[in-house]
Amino acid sequence: MSVKAFICGCAGLALDAAERAFMAREQPWGLILFKRNIDTPEQVRALTASFRAEVGRPDAPVLIDQEGGRVQRMGPPHWPAYPAAARFEALVHLPEQERAELVHLAAQLMATDLREVGITVDCLPVLDVPVPGSSDVIGNRAYAFSPQRVAALGRAAAEGLMAGAVVPVMKHIPGHGRAFADSHLELPVVTADPEELRAVDFYPFRMNADLPAAMTAHVVYRALDESHPATVSNMVIEETIRGTIGFSGLLMSDDLSMKALSGTMQHKARAALAAGCDLVLHCNGDGAEMQAVADAVPQLSIEAQNRAARALAITQRVPQPLDRVEARHRLESALAWHG
């Protein structure tokens, strides 16, 4: 079956007739869910199952941004409220290794929640390293201000997800932490020199370059490409992401509907794929925009198919055993001690 090189969203709690026809006809690689798509466990299970039924692929990936903190699509009353990434580094009374274990535990618990409703890919860990004064679009979504600590805690989160047979997607490669603007609203421009970028921004991604998937940053890095954001820059993708950082896994764009990228949906989609992204991501569920993206993108390339297959092999693993009651108690006790 021919699968196209895009991931799309949907408008509501269930696929309507037009969306079902679109999924069957256009064959997106995956579906991404947001809060507008989440109500109860039974409803989410039905939604993920209906997507897979329409595309005719029982293993078709369903994605979500389930980080914890303010970026948590599944939450109370049906799912626990997980802590933001920065809460773990703030547990200064605990040894570093124990903090990493708690990050792993939280991610494994989230993976268990996700798998129960048919979600197999989580856009986590955030490996961005904030700098003073940068936009709070990252803020407490980052694990630390130290690239070494971001790398270590990000690895723990990724391994926790994989222990639960969920694919981690590290973001936002090659680094969004230095941006002084929110790429949802405008195009951030970073002027740091190459040495500083390599030492700080790229470091967590380089240390985790063996992870299976990554999402690009809609950020211009003047030292790498004077005018094009990473998502649509062949220089950034080939020389920095694939080269300096050494990432060889599945590369998807950040959301094409964000304001940082200019041009029509067709132009954005084609530009991202031409630059070297394997997949483009369109999130807002707008049917006309989804069709424009679908019309612009080709079938998944052979190289992208191979990368996708390696990533999705994680979903075929047997999840590692986890006593959820004990795990939640340990996590909540550590966070409660901190207050």
C-alpha atoms as a PDB file:
ATOM      1  CA  MET A   1       0.000   0.000   0.000  1.00  0.00           C
ATOM      2  CA  SER A   2       1.364   3.433  -0.954  1.00  0.00           C
ATOM      3  CA  VAL A   3       1.858   5.610   2.119  1.00  0.00           C
ATOM      4  CA  LYS A   4       2.394   9.347   1.746  1.00  0.00           C
ATOM      5  CA  ALA A   5       5.069  11.368   3.503  1.00  0.00           C
ATOM      6  CA  PHE A   6       2.851  13.272   5.927  1.00  0.00           C
ATOM      7  CA  ILE A   7       1.209  13.093   9.325  1.00  0.00           C
ATOM      8  CA  CYS A   8      -2.128  14.818   9.852  1.00  0.00           C
ATOM      9  CA  GLY A   9      -4.529  15.691  12.635  1.00  0.00           C
ATOM     10  CA  CYS A  10      -8.300  15.522  12.832  1.00  0.00           C
ATOM     11  CA  ALA A  11     -10.913  17.992  14.004  1.00  0.00           C
ATOM     12  CA  GLY A  12     -12.769  16.310  16.841  1.00  0.00           C
ATOM     13  CA  LEU A  13     -13.374  13.278  19.011  1.00  0.00           C
ATOM     14  CA  ALA A  14     -14.174  10.984  16.078  1.00  0.00           C
ATOM     15  CA  LEU A  15     -13.414  10.959  12.370  1.00  0.00           C
ATOM     16  CA  ASP A  16     -16.285  12.402  10.379  1.00  0.00           C
ATOM     17  CA  ALA A  17     -17.255  11.079   6.956  1.00  0.00           C
ATOM     18  CA  ALA A  18     -15.005  13.517   5.087  1.00  0.00           C
ATOM     19  CA  GLU A  19     -12.033  12.691   7.292  1.00  0.00           C
ATOM     20  CA  ARG A  20     -12.584   8.957   6.909  1.00  0.00           C
ATOM     21  CA  ALA A  21     -12.645   9.326   3.132  1.00  0.00           C
ATOM     22  CA  PHE A  22      -9.528  11.514   3.262  1.00  0.00           C
ATOM     23  CA  MET A  23      -7.590   8.989   5.349  1.00  0.00           C
ATOM     24  CA  ALA A  24      -8.528   6.105   3.072  1.00  0.00           C
ATOM     25  CA  ARG A  25      -7.746   8.053  -0.108  1.00  0.00           C
ATOM     26  CA  GLU A  26      -4.603   9.963   0.851  1.00  0.00           C
ATOM     27  CA  GLN A  27      -2.924   7.411   3.128  1.00  0.00           C
ATOM     28  CA  PRO A  28      -1.083   9.615   5.632  1.00  0.00           C
ATOM     29  CA  TRP A  29       1.791   7.860   7.399  1.00  0.00           C
ATOM     30  CA  GLY A  30       0.321   8.741  10.770  1.00  0.00           C
ATOM     31  CA  LEU A  31      -2.263  10.634  12.809  1.00  0.00           C
ATOM     32  CA  ILE A  32      -1.430  13.097  15.610  1.00  0.00           C
ATOM     33  CA  LEU A  33      -3.846  13.799  18.451  1.00  0.00           C
ATOM     34  CA  PHE A  34      -4.411  16.957  20.497  1.00  0.00           C
ATOM     35  CA  LYS A  35      -6.631  17.886  23.449  1.00  0.00           C
ATOM     36  CA  ARG A  36      -9.529  18.536  21.085  1.00  0.00           C
ATOM     37  CA  ASN A  37      -9.372  14.835  20.189  1.00  0.00           C
ATOM     38  CA  ILE A  38      -9.284  13.510  23.764  1.00  0.00           C
ATOM     39  CA  ASP A  39     -12.213  12.749  26.074  1.00  0.00           C
ATOM     40  CA  THR A  40     -12.338   9.273  27.610  1.00  0.00           C
ATOM     41  CA  PRO A  41     -10.146   6.180  27.220  1.00  0.00           C
ATOM     42  CA  GLU A  42     -12.923   4.388  25.334  1.00  0.00           C
ATOM     43  CA  GLN A  43     -13.324   7.325  22.938  1.00  0.00           C
ATOM     44  CA  VAL A  44      -9.566   7.572  22.223  1.00  0.00           C
ATOM     45  CA  ARG A  45      -9.362   3.823  21.607  1.00  0.00           C
ATOM     46  CA  ALA A  46     -12.230   4.099  19.134  1.00  0.00           C
ATOM     47  CA  LEU A  47     -10.571   7.045  17.371  1.00  0.00           C
ATOM     48  CA  THR A  48      -7.193   5.356  16.968  1.00  0.00           C
ATOM     49  CA  ALA A  49      -8.876   2.136  15.799  1.00  0.00           C
ATOM     50  CA  SER A  50     -10.990   3.994  13.238  1.00  0.00           C
ATOM     51  CA  PHE A  51      -7.925   5.722  11.795  1.00  0.00           C
ATOM     52  CA  ARG A  52      -6.158   2.402  11.371  1.00  0.00           C
ATOM     53  CA  ALA A  53      -9.244   0.849   9.831  1.00  0.00           C
ATOM     54  CA  GLU A  54      -9.540   3.628   7.240  1.00  0.00           C
ATOM     55  CA  VAL A  55      -5.893   3.473   6.162  1.00  0.00           C
ATOM     56  CA  GLY A  56      -5.928  -0.329   6.248  1.00  0.00           C
ATOM     57  CA  ARG A  57      -2.751  -0.601   8.336  1.00  0.00           C
ATOM     58  CA  PRO A  58      -3.181  -2.120  11.803  1.00  0.00           C
ATOM     59  CA  ASP A  59       0.232  -0.772  12.833  1.00  0.00           C
ATOM     60  CA  ALA A  60      -0.230   2.749  11.430  1.00  0.00           C
ATOM     61  CA  PRO A  61       1.379   5.139  13.931  1.00  0.00           C
ATOM     62  CA  VAL A  62      -0.691   7.428  16.123  1.00  0.00           C
ATOM     63  CA  LEU A  63       1.292  10.271  17.688  1.00  0.00           C
ATOM     64  CA  ILE A  64       0.782  12.681  20.584  1.00  0.00           C
ATOM     65  CA  ASP A  65       2.679  15.357  22.503  1.00  0.00           C
ATOM     66  CA  GLN A  66       2.550  13.892  25.992  1.00  0.00           C
ATOM     67  CA  GLU A  67       5.390  15.614  27.836  1.00  0.00           C
ATOM     68  CA  GLY A  68       3.868  16.419  31.212  1.00  0.00           C
ATOM     69  CA  GLY A  69       3.315  19.887  32.628  1.00  0.00           C
ATOM     70  CA  ARG A  70       1.599  22.320  30.256  1.00  0.00           C
ATOM     71  CA  VAL A  71       2.118  20.062  27.234  1.00  0.00           C
ATOM     72  CA  GLN A  72      -0.027  17.085  28.141  1.00  0.00           C
ATOM     73  CA  ARG A  73      -2.868  16.145  25.814  1.00  0.00           C
ATOM     74  CA  MET A  74      -4.196  13.336  28.024  1.00  0.00           C
ATOM     75  CA  GLY A  75      -4.810  14.423  31.608  1.00  0.00           C
ATOM     76  CA  PRO A  76      -7.232  14.342  34.531  1.00  0.00           C
ATOM     77  CA  PRO A  77      -9.753  13.026  35.260  1.00  0.00           C
ATOM     78  CA  HIS A  78      -8.986   9.944  33.193  1.00  0.00           C
ATOM     79  CA  TRP A  79      -5.173  10.110  33.250  1.00  0.00           C
ATOM     80  CA  PRO A  80      -2.667  11.388  35.815  1.00  0.00           C
ATOM     81  CA  ALA A  81      -1.168  14.877  35.659  1.00  0.00           C
ATOM     82  CA  TYR A  82       2.524  14.340  34.982  1.00  0.00           C
ATOM     83  CA  PRO A  83       5.193  16.856  36.012  1.00  0.00           C
ATOM     84  CA  ALA A  84       6.937  19.218  33.623  1.00  0.00           C
ATOM     85  CA  ALA A  85      10.490  18.216  32.721  1.00  0.00           C
ATOM     86  CA  ALA A  86      12.085  20.944  34.856  1.00  0.00           C
ATOM     87  CA  ARG A  87      10.496  19.512  38.021  1.00  0.00           C
ATOM     88  CA  PHE A  88      12.913  16.580  37.960  1.00  0.00           C
ATOM     89  CA  GLU A  89      16.064  18.686  37.868  1.00  0.00           C
ATOM     90  CA  ALA A  90      14.632  20.721  40.762  1.00  0.00           C
ATOM     91  CA  LEU A  91      14.757  17.636  43.010  1.00  0.00           C
ATOM     92  CA  VAL A  92      18.166  18.766  44.240  1.00  0.00           C
ATOM     93  CA  HIS A  93      17.965  16.674  47.409  1.00  0.00           C
ATOM     94  CA  LEU A  94      18.185  13.547  45.256  1.00  0.00           C
ATOM     95  CA  PRO A  95      21.299  12.167  43.533  1.00  0.00           C
ATOM     96  CA  GLU A  96      21.452  12.710  39.766  1.00  0.00           C
ATOM     97  CA  GLN A  97      20.977   9.015  39.082  1.00  0.00           C
ATOM     98  CA  GLU A  98      17.793   8.903  41.136  1.00  0.00           C
ATOM     99  CA  ARG A  99      16.407  11.921  39.277  1.00  0.00           C
ATOM    100  CA  ALA A 100      17.110  10.134  36.001  1.00  0.00           C
ATOM    101  CA  GLU A 101      15.326   7.043  37.316  1.00  0.00           C
ATOM    102  CA  LEU A 102      12.262   9.157  38.118  1.00  0.00           C
ATOM    103  CA  VAL A 103      12.270  10.633  34.602  1.00  0.00           C
ATOM    104  CA  HIS A 104      12.452   7.099  33.196  1.00  0.00           C
ATOM    105  CA  LEU A 105       9.619   5.993  35.474  1.00  0.00           C
ATOM    106  CA  ALA A 106       7.349   8.885  34.492  1.00  0.00           C
ATOM    107  CA  ALA A 107       7.949   8.228  30.804  1.00  0.00           C
ATOM    108  CA  GLN A 108       7.283   4.504  31.188  1.00  0.00           C
ATOM    109  CA  LEU A 109       4.042   5.276  32.998  1.00  0.00           C
ATOM    110  CA  MET A 110       3.035   7.654  30.211  1.00  0.00           C
ATOM    111  CA  ALA A 111       3.869   4.975  27.648  1.00  0.00           C
ATOM    112  CA  THR A 112       1.555   2.572  29.463  1.00  0.00           C
ATOM    113  CA  ASP A 113      -1.247   5.148  29.366  1.00  0.00           C
ATOM    114  CA  LEU A 114      -0.673   5.734  25.650  1.00  0.00           C
ATOM    115  CA  ARG A 115      -0.493   2.097  24.588  1.00  0.00           C
ATOM    116  CA  GLU A 116      -3.789   1.341  26.335  1.00  0.00           C
ATOM    117  CA  VAL A 117      -5.595   3.718  23.962  1.00  0.00           C
ATOM    118  CA  GLY A 118      -3.695   2.839  20.788  1.00  0.00           C
ATOM    119  CA  ILE A 119      -1.081   5.620  20.739  1.00  0.00           C
ATOM    120  CA  THR A 120       2.366   4.366  19.756  1.00  0.00           C
ATOM    121  CA  VAL A 121       4.548   7.472  19.226  1.00  0.00           C
ATOM    122  CA  ASP A 122       5.229  10.232  21.772  1.00  0.00           C
ATOM    123  CA  CYS A 123       6.886  13.515  20.772  1.00  0.00           C
ATOM    124  CA  LEU A 124       9.241  13.425  23.750  1.00  0.00           C
ATOM    125  CA  PRO A 125      11.970  14.056  24.931  1.00  0.00           C
ATOM    126  CA  VAL A 126      12.461  17.817  24.588  1.00  0.00           C
ATOM    127  CA  LEU A 127      16.233  18.190  24.226  1.00  0.00           C
ATOM    128  CA  ASP A 128      16.318  21.975  23.916  1.00  0.00           C
ATOM    129  CA  VAL A 129      18.687  23.888  26.229  1.00  0.00           C
ATOM    130  CA  PRO A 130      17.196  27.245  27.313  1.00  0.00           C
ATOM    131  CA  VAL A 131      19.354  30.333  27.757  1.00  0.00           C
ATOM    132  CA  PRO A 132      18.518  33.341  29.942  1.00  0.00           C
ATOM    133  CA  GLY A 133      15.946  35.595  28.304  1.00  0.00           C
ATOM    134  CA  SER A 134      14.849  33.080  25.679  1.00  0.00           C
ATOM    135  CA  SER A 135      11.200  32.567  24.805  1.00  0.00           C
ATOM    136  CA  ASP A 136       9.203  30.643  27.390  1.00  0.00           C
ATOM    137  CA  VAL A 137       7.763  28.476  24.607  1.00  0.00           C
ATOM    138  CA  ILE A 138      10.330  25.946  25.886  1.00  0.00           C
ATOM    139  CA  GLY A 139      10.716  27.121  29.484  1.00  0.00           C
ATOM    140  CA  ASN A 140       9.989  24.343  31.976  1.00  0.00           C
ATOM    141  CA  ARG A 141       9.554  21.859  29.155  1.00  0.00           C
ATOM    142  CA  ALA A 142      13.363  21.647  29.210  1.00  0.00           C
ATOM    143  CA  TYR A 143      15.040  19.286  31.664  1.00  0.00           C
ATOM    144  CA  ALA A 144      17.827  21.647  32.670  1.00  0.00           C
ATOM    145  CA  PHE A 145      20.023  24.579  31.658  1.00  0.00           C
ATOM    146  CA  SER A 146      23.051  22.325  31.316  1.00  0.00           C
ATOM    147  CA  PRO A 147      23.416  20.502  27.973  1.00  0.00           C
ATOM    148  CA  GLN A 148      24.929  17.539  29.781  1.00  0.00           C
ATOM    149  CA  ARG A 149      21.937  17.250  32.120  1.00  0.00           C
ATOM    150  CA  VAL A 150      19.459  17.732  29.285  1.00  0.00           C
ATOM    151  CA  ALA A 151      21.196  14.926  27.400  1.00  0.00           C
ATOM    152  CA  ALA A 152      21.139  12.573  30.381  1.00  0.00           C
ATOM    153  CA  LEU A 153      17.557  13.204  31.491  1.00  0.00           C
ATOM    154  CA  GLY A 154      16.324  13.228  27.900  1.00  0.00           C
ATOM    155  CA  ARG A 155      17.923   9.816  27.408  1.00  0.00           C
ATOM    156  CA  ALA A 156      16.154   8.561  30.532  1.00  0.00           C
ATOM    157  CA  ALA A 157      12.791   9.751  29.171  1.00  0.00           C
ATOM    158  CA  ALA A 158      13.392   8.140  25.785  1.00  0.00           C
ATOM    159  CA  GLU A 159      14.367   4.852  27.390  1.00  0.00           C
ATOM    160  CA  GLY A 160      11.280   4.977  29.591  1.00  0.00           C
ATOM    161  CA  LEU A 161       9.050   5.353  26.550  1.00  0.00           C
ATOM    162  CA  MET A 162      10.828   2.530  24.738  1.00  0.00           C
ATOM    163  CA  ALA A 163      10.482   0.315  27.823  1.00  0.00           C
ATOM    164  CA  GLY A 164       6.756   0.782  27.301  1.00  0.00           C
ATOM    165  CA  ALA A 165       7.028  -0.005  23.556  1.00  0.00           C
ATOM    166  CA  VAL A 166       6.363   3.606  22.509  1.00  0.00           C
ATOM    167  CA  VAL A 167       8.553   5.407  19.961  1.00  0.00           C
ATOM    168  CA  PRO A 168      10.240   8.570  21.319  1.00  0.00           C
ATOM    169  CA  VAL A 169      10.621  11.626  19.055  1.00  0.00           C
ATOM    170  CA  MET A 170      13.317  14.016  20.255  1.00  0.00           C
ATOM    171  CA  LYS A 171      12.674  17.685  19.621  1.00  0.00           C
ATOM    172  CA  HIS A 172      13.390  20.299  18.390  1.00  0.00           C
ATOM    173  CA  ILE A 173      16.524  19.383  16.469  1.00  0.00           C
ATOM    174  CA  PRO A 174      19.066  21.056  16.246  1.00  0.00           C
ATOM    175  CA  GLY A 175      17.831  23.101  19.239  1.00  0.00           C
ATOM    176  CA  HIS A 176      15.064  25.591  20.068  1.00  0.00           C
ATOM    177  CA  GLY A 177      16.244  26.693  23.518  1.00  0.00           C
ATOM    178  CA  ARG A 178      18.154  29.752  22.315  1.00  0.00           C
ATOM    179  CA  ALA A 179      15.197  31.178  20.383  1.00  0.00           C
ATOM    180  CA  PHE A 180      13.887  34.530  21.638  1.00  0.00           C
ATOM    181  CA  ALA A 181      10.573  34.153  19.791  1.00  0.00           C
ATOM    182  CA  ASP A 182       7.791  31.567  19.826  1.00  0.00           C
ATOM    183  CA  SER A 183       7.861  29.731  16.492  1.00  0.00           C
ATOM    184  CA  HIS A 184       4.114  29.117  16.791  1.00  0.00           C
ATOM    185  CA  LEU A 185       3.716  32.869  16.226  1.00  0.00           C
ATOM    186  CA  GLU A 186       6.818  34.122  14.384  1.00  0.00           C
ATOM    187  CA  LEU A 187      10.171  33.014  12.988  1.00  0.00           C
ATOM    188  CA  PRO A 188      12.950  32.936  15.615  1.00  0.00           C
ATOM    189  CA  VAL A 189      16.481  33.880  14.504  1.00  0.00           C
ATOM    190  CA  VAL A 190      19.530  32.627  16.423  1.00  0.00           C
ATOM    191  CA  THR A 191      22.832  34.469  15.981  1.00  0.00           C
ATOM    192  CA  ALA A 192      25.123  32.325  18.149  1.00  0.00           C
ATOM    193  CA  ASP A 193      28.431  31.273  16.599  1.00  0.00           C
ATOM    194  CA  PRO A 194      29.017  27.682  15.430  1.00  0.00           C
ATOM    195  CA  GLU A 195      31.261  26.785  18.368  1.00  0.00           C
ATOM    196  CA  GLU A 196      28.625  27.825  20.901  1.00  0.00           C
ATOM    197  CA  LEU A 197      25.898  25.961  19.022  1.00  0.00           C
ATOM    198  CA  ARG A 198      27.990  22.793  18.931  1.00  0.00           C
ATOM    199  CA  ALA A 199      28.930  23.018  22.610  1.00  0.00           C
ATOM    200  CA  VAL A 200      25.442  23.744  23.939  1.00  0.00           C
ATOM    201  CA  ASP A 201      22.478  23.423  21.559  1.00  0.00           C
ATOM    202  CA  PHE A 202      23.631  20.432  19.531  1.00  0.00           C
ATOM    203  CA  TYR A 203      25.135  18.503  22.446  1.00  0.00           C
ATOM    204  CA  PRO A 204      21.983  16.749  23.774  1.00  0.00           C
ATOM    205  CA  PHE A 205      21.010  15.702  20.242  1.00  0.00           C
ATOM    206  CA  ARG A 206      24.512  14.452  19.468  1.00  0.00           C
ATOM    207  CA  MET A 207      24.540  12.388  22.666  1.00  0.00           C
ATOM    208  CA  ASN A 208      21.163  10.899  21.687  1.00  0.00           C
ATOM    209  CA  ALA A 209      21.722  10.634  17.937  1.00  0.00           C
ATOM    210  CA  ASP A 210      20.979   6.914  18.034  1.00  0.00           C
ATOM    211  CA  LEU A 211      17.338   7.518  19.006  1.00  0.00           C
ATOM    212  CA  PRO A 212      14.829   6.460  16.340  1.00  0.00           C
ATOM    213  CA  ALA A 213      13.078   9.731  15.463  1.00  0.00           C
ATOM    214  CA  ALA A 214      13.394  13.506  15.712  1.00  0.00           C
ATOM    215  CA  MET A 215      11.370  16.651  14.964  1.00  0.00           C
ATOM    216  CA  THR A 216      12.905  19.755  13.420  1.00  0.00           C
ATOM    217  CA  ALA A 217      12.945  23.324  14.760  1.00  0.00           C
ATOM    218  CA  HIS A 218      11.383  26.184  12.804  1.00  0.00           C
ATOM    219  CA  VAL A 219      14.384  28.365  13.685  1.00  0.00           C
ATOM    220  CA  VAL A 220      16.935  30.243  11.577  1.00  0.00           C
ATOM    221  CA  TYR A 221      20.532  29.697  12.686  1.00  0.00           C
ATOM    222  CA  ARG A 222      22.515  32.477  11.037  1.00  0.00           C
ATOM    223  CA  ALA A 223      25.782  30.588  11.435  1.00  0.00           C
ATOM    224  CA  LEU A 224      24.378  27.624   9.507  1.00  0.00           C
ATOM    225  CA  ASP A 225      22.009  29.155   6.946  1.00  0.00           C
ATOM    226  CA  GLU A 226      21.514  32.910   6.701  1.00  0.00           C
ATOM    227  CA  SER A 227      17.843  32.877   5.779  1.00  0.00           C
ATOM    228  CA  HIS A 228      16.139  29.459   5.954  1.00  0.00           C
ATOM    229  CA  PRO A 229      14.765  27.874   9.133  1.00  0.00           C
ATOM    230  CA  ALA A 230      16.122  24.404   9.848  1.00  0.00           C
ATOM    231  CA  THR A 231      12.944  22.653   8.714  1.00  0.00           C
ATOM    232  CA  VAL A 232      13.386  23.887   5.132  1.00  0.00           C
ATOM    233  CA  SER A 233      17.186  24.176   5.031  1.00  0.00           C
ATOM    234  CA  ASN A 234      19.102  21.493   3.206  1.00  0.00           C
ATOM    235  CA  MET A 235      22.314  22.907   4.681  1.00  0.00           C
ATOM    236  CA  VAL A 236      21.071  22.530   8.255  1.00  0.00           C
ATOM    237  CA  ILE A 237      19.577  19.089   7.723  1.00  0.00           C
ATOM    238  CA  GLU A 238      22.406  17.562   5.709  1.00  0.00           C
ATOM    239  CA  GLU A 239      25.424  19.283   7.260  1.00  0.00           C
ATOM    240  CA  THR A 240      24.297  19.702  10.856  1.00  0.00           C
ATOM    241  CA  ILE A 241      21.492  17.245  11.696  1.00  0.00           C
ATOM    242  CA  ARG A 242      22.756  14.366   9.567  1.00  0.00           C
ATOM    243  CA  GLY A 243      26.410  15.470   9.685  1.00  0.00           C
ATOM    244  CA  THR A 244      27.627  17.219  12.846  1.00  0.00           C
ATOM    245  CA  ILE A 245      24.962  15.734  15.116  1.00  0.00           C
ATOM    246  CA  GLY A 246      25.061  12.365  13.362  1.00  0.00           C
ATOM    247  CA  PHE A 247      21.334  11.629  13.472  1.00  0.00           C
ATOM    248  CA  SER A 248      20.363   8.959  10.947  1.00  0.00           C
ATOM    249  CA  GLY A 249      16.833   8.174  12.130  1.00  0.00           C
ATOM    250  CA  LEU A 250      13.372   9.253  10.982  1.00  0.00           C
ATOM    251  CA  LEU A 251      13.157  13.044  10.641  1.00  0.00           C
ATOM    252  CA  MET A 252       9.814  14.845  10.695  1.00  0.00           C
ATOM    253  CA  SER A 253       9.073  18.534  10.453  1.00  0.00           C
ATOM    254  CA  ASP A 254       7.457  20.479  13.229  1.00  0.00           C
ATOM    255  CA  ASP A 255       3.882  21.565  12.486  1.00  0.00           C
ATOM    256  CA  LEU A 256       3.568  23.229   9.073  1.00  0.00           C
ATOM    257  CA  SER A 257       0.672  25.373  10.308  1.00  0.00           C
ATOM    258  CA  MET A 258       2.907  27.283  12.724  1.00  0.00           C
ATOM    259  CA  LYS A 259       3.496  30.941  11.795  1.00  0.00           C
ATOM    260  CA  ALA A 260       7.297  30.625  11.649  1.00  0.00           C
ATOM    261  CA  LEU A 261       7.099  29.153   8.144  1.00  0.00           C
ATOM    262  CA  SER A 262       5.953  31.306   5.238  1.00  0.00           C
ATOM    263  CA  GLY A 263       4.194  30.404   2.004  1.00  0.00           C
ATOM    264  CA  THR A 264       1.304  28.146   1.104  1.00  0.00           C
ATOM    265  CA  MET A 265       0.845  24.738   2.670  1.00  0.00           C
ATOM    266  CA  GLN A 266       1.976  23.155  -0.588  1.00  0.00           C
ATOM    267  CA  HIS A 267       5.129  25.287  -0.624  1.00  0.00           C
ATOM    268  CA  LYS A 268       5.964  24.510   3.014  1.00  0.00           C
ATOM    269  CA  ALA A 269       5.441  20.778   2.572  1.00  0.00           C
ATOM    270  CA  ARG A 270       7.521  20.567  -0.588  1.00  0.00           C
ATOM    271  CA  ALA A 271      10.270  22.736   0.883  1.00  0.00           C
ATOM    272  CA  ALA A 272      10.588  20.602   4.022  1.00  0.00           C
ATOM    273  CA  LEU A 273      10.803  17.365   2.048  1.00  0.00           C
ATOM    274  CA  ALA A 274      13.230  18.873  -0.457  1.00  0.00           C
ATOM    275  CA  ALA A 275      15.441  20.010   2.430  1.00  0.00           C
ATOM    276  CA  GLY A 276      15.697  16.454   3.745  1.00  0.00           C
ATOM    277  CA  CYS A 277      12.778  15.816   6.101  1.00  0.00           C
ATOM    278  CA  ASP A 278      11.358  12.311   5.741  1.00  0.00           C
ATOM    279  CA  LEU A 279       7.852  13.388   6.793  1.00  0.00           C
ATOM    280  CA  VAL A 280       5.918  16.608   7.190  1.00  0.00           C
ATOM    281  CA  LEU A 281       3.571  17.232  10.089  1.00  0.00           C
ATOM    282  CA  HIS A 282       0.271  19.115   9.844  1.00  0.00           C
ATOM    283  CA  CYS A 283      -1.625  19.343  13.104  1.00  0.00           C
ATOM    284  CA  ASN A 284      -4.619  21.663  13.158  1.00  0.00           C
ATOM    285  CA  GLY A 285      -7.189  19.331  11.588  1.00  0.00           C
ATOM    286  CA  ASP A 286      -8.305  21.860   8.957  1.00  0.00           C
ATOM    287  CA  GLY A 287      -9.607  19.756   6.069  1.00  0.00           C
ATOM    288  CA  ALA A 288      -8.661  22.137   3.261  1.00  0.00           C
ATOM    289  CA  GLU A 289      -5.111  22.519   4.577  1.00  0.00           C
ATOM    290  CA  MET A 290      -4.794  18.768   5.047  1.00  0.00           C
ATOM    291  CA  GLN A 291      -5.783  18.220   1.436  1.00  0.00           C
ATOM    292  CA  ALA A 292      -3.284  20.821   0.259  1.00  0.00           C
ATOM    293  CA  VAL A 293      -0.500  19.016   2.124  1.00  0.00           C
ATOM    294  CA  ALA A 294      -1.624  15.634   0.795  1.00  0.00           C
ATOM    295  CA  ASP A 295      -1.637  16.990  -2.761  1.00  0.00           C
ATOM    296  CA  ALA A 296       1.899  18.333  -2.353  1.00  0.00           C
ATOM    297  CA  VAL A 297       3.700  15.338  -0.905  1.00  0.00           C
ATOM    298  CA  PRO A 298       4.881  12.146  -2.624  1.00  0.00           C
ATOM    299  CA  GLN A 299       4.881   8.618  -1.354  1.00  0.00           C
ATOM    300  CA  LEU A 300       7.302   7.904   1.458  1.00  0.00           C
ATOM    301  CA  SER A 301      10.759   7.403  -0.062  1.00  0.00           C
ATOM    302  CA  ILE A 302      12.481   4.029   0.249  1.00  0.00           C
ATOM    303  CA  GLU A 303      15.040   5.537   2.628  1.00  0.00           C
ATOM    304  CA  ALA A 304      12.271   7.081   4.739  1.00  0.00           C
ATOM    305  CA  GLN A 305      10.363   3.783   4.725  1.00  0.00           C
ATOM    306  CA  ASN A 306      13.439   2.037   6.096  1.00  0.00           C
ATOM    307  CA  ARG A 307      13.923   4.643   8.800  1.00  0.00           C
ATOM    308  CA  ALA A 308      10.234   4.464   9.708  1.00  0.00           C
ATOM    309  CA  ALA A 309      10.361   0.673   9.896  1.00  0.00           C
ATOM    310  CA  ARG A 310      13.338   0.802  12.273  1.00  0.00           C
ATOM    311  CA  ALA A 311      11.504   3.283  14.490  1.00  0.00           C
ATOM    312  CA  LEU A 312       8.212   1.391  14.507  1.00  0.00           C
ATOM    313  CA  ALA A 313       9.963  -1.866  15.387  1.00  0.00           C
ATOM    314  CA  ILE A 314       9.925  -0.483  18.940  1.00  0.00           C
ATOM    315  CA  THR A 315       6.131  -0.764  18.951  1.00  0.00           C
ATOM    316  CA  GLN A 316       6.408  -4.503  18.336  1.00  0.00           C
ATOM    317  CA  ARG A 317       8.331  -5.085  21.550  1.00  0.00           C
ATOM    318  CA  VAL A 318       6.732  -6.574  24.624  1.00  0.00           C
ATOM    319  CA  PRO A 319       6.485  -3.729  27.175  1.00  0.00           C
ATOM    320  CA  GLN A 320       8.689  -4.236  30.193  1.00  0.00           C
ATOM    321  CA  PRO A 321       6.807  -5.206  33.374  1.00  0.00           C
ATOM    322  CA  LEU A 322       5.748  -2.259  35.520  1.00  0.00           C
ATOM    323  CA  ASP A 323       3.876  -2.151  38.821  1.00  0.00           C
ATOM    324  CA  ARG A 324       1.914   1.000  38.053  1.00  0.00           C
ATOM    325  CA  VAL A 325       0.629   1.519  41.585  1.00  0.00           C
ATOM    326  CA  GLU A 326       4.102   1.291  43.087  1.00  0.00           C
ATOM    327  CA  ALA A 327       5.606   3.393  40.278  1.00  0.00           C
ATOM    328  CA  ARG A 328       3.062   6.188  40.684  1.00  0.00           C
ATOM    329  CA  HIS A 329       3.543   6.152  44.448  1.00  0.00           C
ATOM    330  CA  ARG A 330       7.312   6.504  44.067  1.00  0.00           C
ATOM    331  CA  LEU A 331       6.943   9.336  41.568  1.00  0.00           C
ATOM    332  CA  GLU A 332       4.319  11.205  43.580  1.00  0.00           C
ATOM    333  CA  SER A 333       6.274  10.812  46.819  1.00  0.00           C
ATOM    334  CA  ALA A 334       9.413  12.321  45.293  1.00  0.00           C
ATOM    335  CA  LEU A 335       7.505  15.257  43.810  1.00  0.00           C
ATOM    336  CA  ALA A 336       5.481  15.840  47.006  1.00  0.00           C
ATOM    337  CA  TRP A 337       8.672  16.018  49.080  1.00  0.00           C
ATOM    338  CA  HIS A 338       9.848  18.815  46.822  1.00  0.00           C
ATOM    339  CA  GLY A 339       6.478  20.549  47.039  1.00  0.00           C
END
